[in-house]
Amino acid sequence: MRQLVRTQESNHIIGNRRYSYVLPLAIFLTAMLIGCSKEAKKAGALRSEIDASDTTYLKTLEGTGVYVDGWVGDAAKVTLGNPRHSRAFAISGVNVQTGAKDESLGLKFEFMSGKTDSVAFSRIGPFKAMLFLPIPDAAADTLQLMIVSSKTFVPSKLGTSQDDRVLSFRFEKISVVDLDSSLNDFPASYEFPRKDETERGLIGVYKDGWMADSAVVFLYNLQGKSSVEIRGFVPPDIFTRIADLEVRVNGVLLVKEQLPKQNQGYFRSIISFPEDVAALASIPLTLKPSGTFVPYQRGINADTRRLSYQLQYVGLR
């Protein structure tokens, strides 16, 4: 009887011991599942946009080449959420003046798939560009890319500050792009006159459409267009020789076209793109007129700007 009771007591003790092991194990597994759930939620909530104005978030990017004050080193690693598998991304920033002979800024993008792409900005000041993602990278929920800059400088060596960092450009924003809702942000065409005097997508063009000695118009080819239409006006009896217009993309000449004198100086040009240009997400269209004049010096009016041709419309088609 005592032995039976002892056995029962032993079994009871063993049962309690089993319970004492099972309870912590259950707590551990529950905590682990909660932790995994939080990590999954965190991964799912990975930002699709990084904005330099959010300094709190920039602090979390320490060591990636993007600094909390918005500067970018000679290379930077960027990770963005892309749950909708968008096919493009956009980047904006400022190409700062350093006093170098060549102030152009080239950015090379290296993707996880091994593919690369690049964009170049020949002038100092604000820039904005959009690029298409390689298909394997667009198919992933997370976009990872390296940004490598062709232009670097050290502020302390320039004498502008005591900053010893190797810097390239001032960062503003990078984000994946929803093509269906981005037509307003990434225009495929411009009509003149414009409301504002300065726009990021227009360089060397005044809001009334008059160009300086050259102009750059950034067009965003979200719909796979294969040509561009340019309409404008060449003032008659201003230029001694026949006016012409050079059109280039990334320094490559597409056409040098003579503009007819008929139609009271108004012209319309339609230029087809080579396949490599038509495949670009953003097309930096450089327009180079053959001459300039200053209206005030010609006794036309009080306008002291150095002008060439007046644009009415530039757009993909």
C-alpha atoms as a PDB file:
ATOM      1  CA  MET A   1       0.000   0.000   0.000  1.00  0.00           C
ATOM      2  CA  ARG A   2       2.801   2.330   0.909  1.00  0.00           C
ATOM      3  CA  GLN A   3       4.562   1.367  -2.273  1.00  0.00           C
ATOM      4  CA  LEU A   4       1.440   2.108  -4.299  1.00  0.00           C
ATOM      5  CA  VAL A   5       1.002   5.459  -2.652  1.00  0.00           C
ATOM      6  CA  ARG A   6       4.687   6.224  -3.177  1.00  0.00           C
ATOM      7  CA  THR A   7       4.336   5.317  -6.825  1.00  0.00           C
ATOM      8  CA  GLN A   8       1.320   7.499  -7.200  1.00  0.00           C
ATOM      9  CA  GLU A   9       3.167  10.310  -5.467  1.00  0.00           C
ATOM     10  CA  SER A  10       6.153   9.780  -7.749  1.00  0.00           C
ATOM     11  CA  ASN A  11       3.969   9.854 -10.825  1.00  0.00           C
ATOM     12  CA  HIS A  12       2.375  13.014  -9.568  1.00  0.00           C
ATOM     13  CA  ILE A  13       5.756  14.611  -9.019  1.00  0.00           C
ATOM     14  CA  ILE A  14       6.957  13.508 -12.451  1.00  0.00           C
ATOM     15  CA  GLY A  15       3.790  14.986 -13.962  1.00  0.00           C
ATOM     16  CA  ASN A  16       4.460  18.290 -12.264  1.00  0.00           C
ATOM     17  CA  ARG A  17       8.021  18.218 -13.469  1.00  0.00           C
ATOM     18  CA  ARG A  18       6.813  17.576 -16.986  1.00  0.00           C
ATOM     19  CA  TYR A  19       4.481  20.507 -16.630  1.00  0.00           C
ATOM     20  CA  SER A  20       7.307  22.702 -15.337  1.00  0.00           C
ATOM     21  CA  TYR A  21       9.320  21.941 -18.501  1.00  0.00           C
ATOM     22  CA  VAL A  22       6.392  22.262 -20.907  1.00  0.00           C
ATOM     23  CA  LEU A  23       5.265  25.673 -19.624  1.00  0.00           C
ATOM     24  CA  PRO A  24       8.578  27.506 -20.258  1.00  0.00           C
ATOM     25  CA  LEU A  25       8.836  25.756 -23.621  1.00  0.00           C
ATOM     26  CA  ALA A  26       5.364  26.975 -24.570  1.00  0.00           C
ATOM     27  CA  ILE A  27       6.250  30.488 -23.427  1.00  0.00           C
ATOM     28  CA  PHE A  28       9.465  30.365 -25.464  1.00  0.00           C
ATOM     29  CA  LEU A  29       7.701  29.140 -28.589  1.00  0.00           C
ATOM     30  CA  THR A  30       4.973  31.759 -28.204  1.00  0.00           C
ATOM     31  CA  ALA A  31       7.554  34.512 -27.796  1.00  0.00           C
ATOM     32  CA  MET A  32       9.447  33.256 -30.806  1.00  0.00           C
ATOM     33  CA  LEU A  33       6.281  33.211 -32.907  1.00  0.00           C
ATOM     34  CA  ILE A  34       5.397  36.708 -31.761  1.00  0.00           C
ATOM     35  CA  GLY A  35       8.918  37.835 -32.609  1.00  0.00           C
ATOM     36  CA  CYS A  36       8.722  36.255 -36.043  1.00  0.00           C
ATOM     37  CA  SER A  37       5.353  37.868 -36.568  1.00  0.00           C
ATOM     38  CA  LYS A  38       6.790  41.258 -35.656  1.00  0.00           C
ATOM     39  CA  GLU A  39       9.746  40.720 -37.960  1.00  0.00           C
ATOM     40  CA  ALA A  40       7.428  39.679 -40.785  1.00  0.00           C
ATOM     41  CA  LYS A  41       5.282  42.728 -40.156  1.00  0.00           C
ATOM     42  CA  LYS A  42       8.382  44.889 -40.080  1.00  0.00           C
ATOM     43  CA  ALA A  43       9.606  43.411 -43.382  1.00  0.00           C
ATOM     44  CA  GLY A  44       6.195  43.833 -44.925  1.00  0.00           C
ATOM     45  CA  ALA A  45       6.176  47.468 -43.820  1.00  0.00           C
ATOM     46  CA  LEU A  46       9.580  48.218 -45.336  1.00  0.00           C
ATOM     47  CA  ARG A  47       9.414  51.728 -46.711  1.00  0.00           C
ATOM     48  CA  SER A  48       8.918  52.216 -50.420  1.00  0.00           C
ATOM     49  CA  GLU A  49      10.315  55.735 -50.143  1.00  0.00           C
ATOM     50  CA  ILE A  50      13.257  57.321 -48.345  1.00  0.00           C
ATOM     51  CA  ASP A  51      12.984  61.077 -47.845  1.00  0.00           C
ATOM     52  CA  ALA A  52      15.942  63.156 -46.672  1.00  0.00           C
ATOM     53  CA  SER A  53      13.612  65.373 -44.638  1.00  0.00           C
ATOM     54  CA  ASP A  54      12.957  62.403 -42.315  1.00  0.00           C
ATOM     55  CA  THR A  55      16.189  62.629 -40.322  1.00  0.00           C
ATOM     56  CA  THR A  56      14.921  60.121 -37.750  1.00  0.00           C
ATOM     57  CA  TYR A  57      14.739  57.455 -40.438  1.00  0.00           C
ATOM     58  CA  LEU A  58      18.046  58.506 -41.981  1.00  0.00           C
ATOM     59  CA  LYS A  59      19.711  57.696 -38.661  1.00  0.00           C
ATOM     60  CA  THR A  60      18.739  54.061 -39.184  1.00  0.00           C
ATOM     61  CA  LEU A  61      20.706  54.063 -42.465  1.00  0.00           C
ATOM     62  CA  GLU A  62      24.015  54.706 -40.722  1.00  0.00           C
ATOM     63  CA  GLY A  63      26.772  52.750 -42.413  1.00  0.00           C
ATOM     64  CA  THR A  64      24.976  52.463 -45.757  1.00  0.00           C
ATOM     65  CA  GLY A  65      26.573  55.530 -47.340  1.00  0.00           C
ATOM     66  CA  VAL A  66      23.563  57.793 -46.754  1.00  0.00           C
ATOM     67  CA  TYR A  67      24.231  60.248 -43.926  1.00  0.00           C
ATOM     68  CA  VAL A  68      21.728  61.774 -41.543  1.00  0.00           C
ATOM     69  CA  ASP A  69      22.398  65.270 -42.958  1.00  0.00           C
ATOM     70  CA  GLY A  70      21.333  64.122 -46.419  1.00  0.00           C
ATOM     71  CA  TRP A  71      24.751  63.727 -47.992  1.00  0.00           C
ATOM     72  CA  VAL A  72      25.720  60.576 -49.892  1.00  0.00           C
ATOM     73  CA  GLY A  73      29.205  59.078 -49.991  1.00  0.00           C
ATOM     74  CA  ASP A  74      30.973  57.725 -53.032  1.00  0.00           C
ATOM     75  CA  ALA A  75      28.668  54.688 -52.833  1.00  0.00           C
ATOM     76  CA  ALA A  76      25.463  53.894 -50.973  1.00  0.00           C
ATOM     77  CA  LYS A  77      23.342  50.807 -50.371  1.00  0.00           C
ATOM     78  CA  VAL A  78      19.589  51.372 -50.459  1.00  0.00           C
ATOM     79  CA  THR A  79      16.784  48.957 -49.557  1.00  0.00           C
ATOM     80  CA  LEU A  80      13.153  49.697 -50.407  1.00  0.00           C
ATOM     81  CA  GLY A  81       9.934  47.755 -50.067  1.00  0.00           C
ATOM     82  CA  ASN A  82       8.251  46.909 -53.349  1.00  0.00           C
ATOM     83  CA  PRO A  83       5.205  44.782 -52.440  1.00  0.00           C
ATOM     84  CA  ARG A  84       3.310  45.860 -55.564  1.00  0.00           C
ATOM     85  CA  HIS A  85       6.251  44.917 -57.781  1.00  0.00           C
ATOM     86  CA  SER A  86       6.510  48.353 -59.378  1.00  0.00           C
ATOM     87  CA  ARG A  87       8.612  48.452 -62.532  1.00  0.00           C
ATOM     88  CA  ALA A  88      10.473  51.696 -61.868  1.00  0.00           C
ATOM     89  CA  PHE A  89      12.146  53.834 -59.231  1.00  0.00           C
ATOM     90  CA  ALA A  90      12.884  57.554 -59.005  1.00  0.00           C
ATOM     91  CA  ILE A  91      15.723  59.463 -57.392  1.00  0.00           C
ATOM     92  CA  SER A  92      16.132  63.188 -56.789  1.00  0.00           C
ATOM     93  CA  GLY A  93      18.872  65.277 -55.264  1.00  0.00           C
ATOM     94  CA  VAL A  94      21.292  68.132 -55.874  1.00  0.00           C
ATOM     95  CA  ASN A  95      24.490  68.067 -57.889  1.00  0.00           C
ATOM     96  CA  VAL A  96      26.577  70.520 -55.878  1.00  0.00           C
ATOM     97  CA  GLN A  97      29.201  72.864 -57.249  1.00  0.00           C
ATOM     98  CA  THR A  98      32.759  71.912 -56.267  1.00  0.00           C
ATOM     99  CA  GLY A  99      34.844  74.084 -58.574  1.00  0.00           C
ATOM    100  CA  ALA A 100      36.062  71.104 -60.569  1.00  0.00           C
ATOM    101  CA  LYS A 101      36.608  71.468 -64.310  1.00  0.00           C
ATOM    102  CA  ASP A 102      33.950  68.833 -64.967  1.00  0.00           C
ATOM    103  CA  GLU A 103      30.941  69.195 -62.669  1.00  0.00           C
ATOM    104  CA  SER A 104      28.914  66.418 -64.293  1.00  0.00           C
ATOM    105  CA  LEU A 105      27.478  63.782 -61.964  1.00  0.00           C
ATOM    106  CA  GLY A 106      27.116  60.188 -63.077  1.00  0.00           C
ATOM    107  CA  LEU A 107      25.189  57.666 -60.976  1.00  0.00           C
ATOM    108  CA  LYS A 108      25.539  53.935 -61.574  1.00  0.00           C
ATOM    109  CA  PHE A 109      22.897  51.618 -60.126  1.00  0.00           C
ATOM    110  CA  GLU A 110      23.838  48.011 -59.364  1.00  0.00           C
ATOM    111  CA  PHE A 111      20.911  45.672 -58.714  1.00  0.00           C
ATOM    112  CA  MET A 112      20.736  42.374 -56.808  1.00  0.00           C
ATOM    113  CA  SER A 113      20.112  40.550 -60.091  1.00  0.00           C
ATOM    114  CA  GLY A 114      23.533  41.645 -61.326  1.00  0.00           C
ATOM    115  CA  LYS A 115      22.031  44.087 -63.816  1.00  0.00           C
ATOM    116  CA  THR A 116      23.213  47.708 -63.909  1.00  0.00           C
ATOM    117  CA  ASP A 117      21.895  51.021 -65.175  1.00  0.00           C
ATOM    118  CA  SER A 118      23.154  54.588 -65.080  1.00  0.00           C
ATOM    119  CA  VAL A 119      22.146  58.206 -65.468  1.00  0.00           C
ATOM    120  CA  ALA A 120      24.183  61.399 -65.871  1.00  0.00           C
ATOM    121  CA  PHE A 121      23.564  65.062 -65.032  1.00  0.00           C
ATOM    122  CA  SER A 122      25.765  67.563 -66.836  1.00  0.00           C
ATOM    123  CA  ARG A 123      24.796  70.644 -64.833  1.00  0.00           C
ATOM    124  CA  ILE A 124      24.937  71.608 -61.189  1.00  0.00           C
ATOM    125  CA  GLY A 125      21.712  72.091 -59.247  1.00  0.00           C
ATOM    126  CA  PRO A 126      18.623  69.966 -58.549  1.00  0.00           C
ATOM    127  CA  PHE A 127      18.092  66.774 -60.515  1.00  0.00           C
ATOM    128  CA  LYS A 128      15.427  64.121 -60.812  1.00  0.00           C
ATOM    129  CA  ALA A 129      15.464  60.905 -62.785  1.00  0.00           C
ATOM    130  CA  MET A 130      13.445  57.746 -63.145  1.00  0.00           C
ATOM    131  CA  LEU A 131      14.731  54.357 -64.266  1.00  0.00           C
ATOM    132  CA  PHE A 132      13.072  51.066 -65.069  1.00  0.00           C
ATOM    133  CA  LEU A 133      13.874  48.083 -62.861  1.00  0.00           C
ATOM    134  CA  PRO A 134      15.232  44.838 -64.301  1.00  0.00           C
ATOM    135  CA  ILE A 135      12.431  42.257 -64.412  1.00  0.00           C
ATOM    136  CA  PRO A 136      13.986  39.949 -61.741  1.00  0.00           C
ATOM    137  CA  ASP A 137      14.373  42.852 -59.317  1.00  0.00           C
ATOM    138  CA  ALA A 138      10.860  44.173 -59.944  1.00  0.00           C
ATOM    139  CA  ALA A 139       9.471  40.696 -59.186  1.00  0.00           C
ATOM    140  CA  ALA A 140      10.882  40.756 -55.642  1.00  0.00           C
ATOM    141  CA  ASP A 141       9.097  42.261 -52.635  1.00  0.00           C
ATOM    142  CA  THR A 142      12.310  44.043 -51.644  1.00  0.00           C
ATOM    143  CA  LEU A 143      14.432  46.250 -53.884  1.00  0.00           C
ATOM    144  CA  GLN A 144      18.132  46.400 -53.033  1.00  0.00           C
ATOM    145  CA  LEU A 145      20.567  48.459 -55.052  1.00  0.00           C
ATOM    146  CA  MET A 146      23.971  50.066 -54.832  1.00  0.00           C
ATOM    147  CA  ILE A 147      24.419  53.658 -55.997  1.00  0.00           C
ATOM    148  CA  VAL A 148      27.940  54.474 -57.147  1.00  0.00           C
ATOM    149  CA  SER A 149      28.837  58.077 -57.942  1.00  0.00           C
ATOM    150  CA  SER A 150      31.357  59.253 -60.516  1.00  0.00           C
ATOM    151  CA  LYS A 151      31.881  62.601 -58.771  1.00  0.00           C
ATOM    152  CA  THR A 152      33.314  62.883 -55.264  1.00  0.00           C
ATOM    153  CA  PHE A 153      34.886  65.572 -53.131  1.00  0.00           C
ATOM    154  CA  VAL A 154      36.100  66.215 -49.571  1.00  0.00           C
ATOM    155  CA  PRO A 155      34.776  69.509 -48.123  1.00  0.00           C
ATOM    156  CA  SER A 156      37.842  70.039 -45.905  1.00  0.00           C
ATOM    157  CA  LYS A 157      40.109  69.849 -48.962  1.00  0.00           C
ATOM    158  CA  LEU A 158      37.947  72.403 -50.766  1.00  0.00           C
ATOM    159  CA  GLY A 159      38.159  74.702 -47.773  1.00  0.00           C
ATOM    160  CA  THR A 160      34.386  74.924 -47.417  1.00  0.00           C
ATOM    161  CA  SER A 161      34.261  73.217 -44.001  1.00  0.00           C
ATOM    162  CA  GLN A 162      36.176  70.869 -41.704  1.00  0.00           C
ATOM    163  CA  ASP A 163      34.186  67.881 -42.947  1.00  0.00           C
ATOM    164  CA  ASP A 164      36.599  65.064 -43.873  1.00  0.00           C
ATOM    165  CA  ARG A 165      33.981  62.787 -45.397  1.00  0.00           C
ATOM    166  CA  VAL A 166      34.136  61.710 -49.041  1.00  0.00           C
ATOM    167  CA  LEU A 167      30.853  63.007 -50.487  1.00  0.00           C
ATOM    168  CA  SER A 168      29.172  62.934 -53.864  1.00  0.00           C
ATOM    169  CA  PHE A 169      25.733  64.590 -53.937  1.00  0.00           C
ATOM    170  CA  ARG A 170      23.025  65.849 -51.620  1.00  0.00           C
ATOM    171  CA  PHE A 171      20.196  63.355 -51.408  1.00  0.00           C
ATOM    172  CA  GLU A 172      16.515  64.349 -51.479  1.00  0.00           C
ATOM    173  CA  LYS A 173      14.357  61.300 -52.184  1.00  0.00           C
ATOM    174  CA  ILE A 174      14.379  57.810 -53.648  1.00  0.00           C
ATOM    175  CA  SER A 175      11.236  55.734 -54.111  1.00  0.00           C
ATOM    176  CA  VAL A 176       9.665  52.962 -56.117  1.00  0.00           C
ATOM    177  CA  VAL A 177       7.266  54.350 -58.689  1.00  0.00           C
ATOM    178  CA  ASP A 178       3.683  53.322 -59.329  1.00  0.00           C
ATOM    179  CA  LEU A 179       3.504  53.869 -63.073  1.00  0.00           C
ATOM    180  CA  ASP A 180      -0.286  54.032 -63.140  1.00  0.00           C
ATOM    181  CA  SER A 181      -0.440  57.038 -60.802  1.00  0.00           C
ATOM    182  CA  SER A 182       2.760  58.880 -61.683  1.00  0.00           C
ATOM    183  CA  LEU A 183       1.952  60.608 -64.959  1.00  0.00           C
ATOM    184  CA  ASN A 184       1.637  64.007 -63.268  1.00  0.00           C
ATOM    185  CA  ASP A 185       4.872  63.617 -61.332  1.00  0.00           C
ATOM    186  CA  PHE A 186       6.772  62.329 -64.372  1.00  0.00           C
ATOM    187  CA  PRO A 187       5.443  64.250 -67.392  1.00  0.00           C
ATOM    188  CA  ALA A 188       5.763  62.915 -70.911  1.00  0.00           C
ATOM    189  CA  SER A 189       5.100  66.349 -72.410  1.00  0.00           C
ATOM    190  CA  TYR A 190       5.286  70.095 -71.733  1.00  0.00           C
ATOM    191  CA  GLU A 191       3.177  72.901 -73.125  1.00  0.00           C
ATOM    192  CA  PHE A 192       4.242  76.543 -73.022  1.00  0.00           C
ATOM    193  CA  PRO A 193       3.795  79.009 -71.448  1.00  0.00           C
ATOM    194  CA  ARG A 194       4.186  77.407 -68.022  1.00  0.00           C
ATOM    195  CA  LYS A 195       2.955  78.572 -64.632  1.00  0.00           C
ATOM    196  CA  ASP A 196       6.315  78.471 -62.854  1.00  0.00           C
ATOM    197  CA  GLU A 197       9.617  79.949 -63.936  1.00  0.00           C
ATOM    198  CA  THR A 198      11.712  77.046 -62.691  1.00  0.00           C
ATOM    199  CA  GLU A 199      10.824  73.371 -62.957  1.00  0.00           C
ATOM    200  CA  ARG A 200      13.038  70.407 -62.231  1.00  0.00           C
ATOM    201  CA  GLY A 201      12.345  68.842 -65.617  1.00  0.00           C
ATOM    202  CA  LEU A 202      13.260  71.971 -67.581  1.00  0.00           C
ATOM    203  CA  ILE A 203      16.731  73.474 -67.824  1.00  0.00           C
ATOM    204  CA  GLY A 204      17.429  76.529 -69.942  1.00  0.00           C
ATOM    205  CA  VAL A 205      13.757  77.138 -70.753  1.00  0.00           C
ATOM    206  CA  TYR A 206      11.845  80.121 -69.366  1.00  0.00           C
ATOM    207  CA  LYS A 207       8.193  79.806 -68.403  1.00  0.00           C
ATOM    208  CA  ASP A 208       7.164  81.738 -71.533  1.00  0.00           C
ATOM    209  CA  GLY A 209       8.838  79.021 -73.639  1.00  0.00           C
ATOM    210  CA  TRP A 210      11.879  80.980 -74.768  1.00  0.00           C
ATOM    211  CA  MET A 211      15.101  78.974 -74.718  1.00  0.00           C
ATOM    212  CA  ALA A 212      18.565  80.227 -73.871  1.00  0.00           C
ATOM    213  CA  ASP A 213      21.565  79.060 -75.927  1.00  0.00           C
ATOM    214  CA  SER A 214      20.545  75.468 -75.166  1.00  0.00           C
ATOM    215  CA  ALA A 215      17.939  73.598 -73.174  1.00  0.00           C
ATOM    216  CA  VAL A 216      17.360  70.214 -71.547  1.00  0.00           C
ATOM    217  CA  VAL A 217      13.839  68.795 -71.324  1.00  0.00           C
ATOM    218  CA  PHE A 218      13.350  65.643 -69.233  1.00  0.00           C
ATOM    219  CA  LEU A 219      10.584  63.447 -70.617  1.00  0.00           C
ATOM    220  CA  TYR A 220       9.408  60.295 -68.822  1.00  0.00           C
ATOM    221  CA  ASN A 221       8.536  57.426 -71.102  1.00  0.00           C
ATOM    222  CA  LEU A 222       6.122  55.435 -68.936  1.00  0.00           C
ATOM    223  CA  GLN A 223       4.058  54.242 -71.892  1.00  0.00           C
ATOM    224  CA  GLY A 224       6.770  53.090 -74.291  1.00  0.00           C
ATOM    225  CA  LYS A 225       6.538  55.929 -76.818  1.00  0.00           C
ATOM    226  CA  SER A 226       8.961  55.817 -79.742  1.00  0.00           C
ATOM    227  CA  SER A 227       9.245  59.438 -80.904  1.00  0.00           C
ATOM    228  CA  VAL A 228       9.107  63.063 -79.779  1.00  0.00           C
ATOM    229  CA  GLU A 229       7.270  66.042 -81.208  1.00  0.00           C
ATOM    230  CA  ILE A 230       8.724  69.543 -80.899  1.00  0.00           C
ATOM    231  CA  ARG A 231       6.750  72.645 -81.859  1.00  0.00           C
ATOM    232  CA  GLY A 232       8.024  76.169 -81.616  1.00  0.00           C
ATOM    233  CA  PHE A 233       8.797  79.525 -83.152  1.00  0.00           C
ATOM    234  CA  VAL A 234      11.928  81.030 -84.723  1.00  0.00           C
ATOM    235  CA  PRO A 235      11.722  84.844 -84.884  1.00  0.00           C
ATOM    236  CA  PRO A 236      11.931  85.896 -88.531  1.00  0.00           C
ATOM    237  CA  ASP A 237      14.573  88.336 -89.779  1.00  0.00           C
ATOM    238  CA  ILE A 238      16.739  87.803 -86.702  1.00  0.00           C
ATOM    239  CA  PHE A 239      19.274  85.217 -87.822  1.00  0.00           C
ATOM    240  CA  THR A 240      21.440  85.799 -90.872  1.00  0.00           C
ATOM    241  CA  ARG A 241      21.654  82.114 -91.777  1.00  0.00           C
ATOM    242  CA  ILE A 242      19.080  79.356 -91.931  1.00  0.00           C
ATOM    243  CA  ALA A 243      18.120  78.306 -88.413  1.00  0.00           C
ATOM    244  CA  ASP A 244      18.607  74.707 -87.381  1.00  0.00           C
ATOM    245  CA  LEU A 245      18.045  72.638 -84.263  1.00  0.00           C
ATOM    246  CA  GLU A 246      20.226  69.884 -82.828  1.00  0.00           C
ATOM    247  CA  VAL A 247      18.493  67.257 -80.714  1.00  0.00           C
ATOM    248  CA  ARG A 248      20.605  64.975 -78.511  1.00  0.00           C
ATOM    249  CA  VAL A 249      20.011  62.350 -75.818  1.00  0.00           C
ATOM    250  CA  ASN A 250      22.828  61.705 -73.349  1.00  0.00           C
ATOM    251  CA  GLY A 251      25.226  63.487 -75.673  1.00  0.00           C
ATOM    252  CA  VAL A 252      24.328  61.374 -78.726  1.00  0.00           C
ATOM    253  CA  LEU A 253      23.068  63.354 -81.717  1.00  0.00           C
ATOM    254  CA  LEU A 254      19.635  62.222 -82.902  1.00  0.00           C
ATOM    255  CA  VAL A 255      19.107  64.848 -85.584  1.00  0.00           C
ATOM    256  CA  LYS A 256      20.277  68.241 -86.812  1.00  0.00           C
ATOM    257  CA  GLU A 257      17.298  69.667 -88.627  1.00  0.00           C
ATOM    258  CA  GLN A 258      16.947  72.843 -90.656  1.00  0.00           C
ATOM    259  CA  LEU A 259      13.880  74.844 -89.683  1.00  0.00           C
ATOM    260  CA  PRO A 260      11.884  76.254 -92.610  1.00  0.00           C
ATOM    261  CA  LYS A 261      11.365  79.983 -92.987  1.00  0.00           C
ATOM    262  CA  GLN A 262       7.788  79.605 -94.152  1.00  0.00           C
ATOM    263  CA  ASN A 263       4.785  79.562 -91.796  1.00  0.00           C
ATOM    264  CA  GLN A 264       5.965  82.874 -90.319  1.00  0.00           C
ATOM    265  CA  GLY A 265       8.669  81.209 -88.293  1.00  0.00           C
ATOM    266  CA  TYR A 266       6.600  78.431 -86.724  1.00  0.00           C
ATOM    267  CA  PHE A 267       7.962  74.890 -86.959  1.00  0.00           C
ATOM    268  CA  ARG A 268       7.001  71.327 -86.065  1.00  0.00           C
ATOM    269  CA  SER A 269       9.470  68.438 -85.873  1.00  0.00           C
ATOM    270  CA  ILE A 270       8.788  64.759 -85.219  1.00  0.00           C
ATOM    271  CA  ILE A 271      11.874  62.726 -84.356  1.00  0.00           C
ATOM    272  CA  SER A 272      11.941  58.934 -84.046  1.00  0.00           C
ATOM    273  CA  PHE A 273      14.012  57.361 -81.273  1.00  0.00           C
ATOM    274  CA  PRO A 274      16.548  54.570 -81.690  1.00  0.00           C
ATOM    275  CA  GLU A 275      15.572  51.448 -79.741  1.00  0.00           C
ATOM    276  CA  ASP A 276      18.011  52.149 -76.887  1.00  0.00           C
ATOM    277  CA  VAL A 277      16.555  55.628 -76.352  1.00  0.00           C
ATOM    278  CA  ALA A 278      12.938  54.414 -76.546  1.00  0.00           C
ATOM    279  CA  ALA A 279      13.780  51.876 -73.824  1.00  0.00           C
ATOM    280  CA  LEU A 280      14.788  54.600 -71.339  1.00  0.00           C
ATOM    281  CA  ALA A 281      12.459  55.477 -68.473  1.00  0.00           C
ATOM    282  CA  SER A 282      13.589  59.103 -68.458  1.00  0.00           C
ATOM    283  CA  ILE A 283      14.822  60.796 -71.610  1.00  0.00           C
ATOM    284  CA  PRO A 284      16.993  63.908 -71.183  1.00  0.00           C
ATOM    285  CA  LEU A 285      16.341  65.707 -74.447  1.00  0.00           C
ATOM    286  CA  THR A 286      18.980  68.361 -75.195  1.00  0.00           C
ATOM    287  CA  LEU A 287      17.954  71.081 -77.672  1.00  0.00           C
ATOM    288  CA  LYS A 288      20.671  73.211 -79.263  1.00  0.00           C
ATOM    289  CA  PRO A 289      19.603  76.153 -81.472  1.00  0.00           C
ATOM    290  CA  SER A 290      22.008  77.545 -84.046  1.00  0.00           C
ATOM    291  CA  GLY A 291      21.933  81.132 -82.790  1.00  0.00           C
ATOM    292  CA  THR A 292      20.922  83.555 -80.046  1.00  0.00           C
ATOM    293  CA  PHE A 293      19.980  87.214 -79.728  1.00  0.00           C
ATOM    294  CA  VAL A 294      19.154  89.789 -77.055  1.00  0.00           C
ATOM    295  CA  PRO A 295      15.854  91.607 -77.817  1.00  0.00           C
ATOM    296  CA  TYR A 296      16.969  94.812 -76.065  1.00  0.00           C
ATOM    297  CA  GLN A 297      20.149  95.016 -78.127  1.00  0.00           C
ATOM    298  CA  ARG A 298      18.119  94.576 -81.321  1.00  0.00           C
ATOM    299  CA  GLY A 299      15.693  97.318 -80.328  1.00  0.00           C
ATOM    300  CA  ILE A 300      12.792  94.874 -80.222  1.00  0.00           C
ATOM    301  CA  ASN A 301      11.751  95.395 -76.592  1.00  0.00           C
ATOM    302  CA  ALA A 302      13.230  95.803 -73.113  1.00  0.00           C
ATOM    303  CA  ASP A 303      13.972  92.090 -72.664  1.00  0.00           C
ATOM    304  CA  THR A 304      17.676  91.688 -71.758  1.00  0.00           C
ATOM    305  CA  ARG A 305      17.670  87.878 -71.796  1.00  0.00           C
ATOM    306  CA  ARG A 306      19.823  86.039 -74.326  1.00  0.00           C
ATOM    307  CA  LEU A 307      17.280  84.001 -76.271  1.00  0.00           C
ATOM    308  CA  SER A 308      17.121  81.613 -79.222  1.00  0.00           C
ATOM    309  CA  TYR A 309      13.811  79.907 -80.147  1.00  0.00           C
ATOM    310  CA  GLN A 310      10.470  79.857 -78.388  1.00  0.00           C
ATOM    311  CA  LEU A 311       8.998  76.461 -77.563  1.00  0.00           C
ATOM    312  CA  GLN A 312       5.268  75.775 -77.698  1.00  0.00           C
ATOM    313  CA  TYR A 313       5.235  72.050 -77.062  1.00  0.00           C
ATOM    314  CA  VAL A 314       7.662  69.179 -76.424  1.00  0.00           C
ATOM    315  CA  GLY A 315       6.204  65.720 -75.895  1.00  0.00           C
ATOM    316  CA  LEU A 316       6.500  62.005 -76.544  1.00  0.00           C
ATOM    317  CA  ARG A 317       4.244  60.354 -79.103  1.00  0.00           C
END
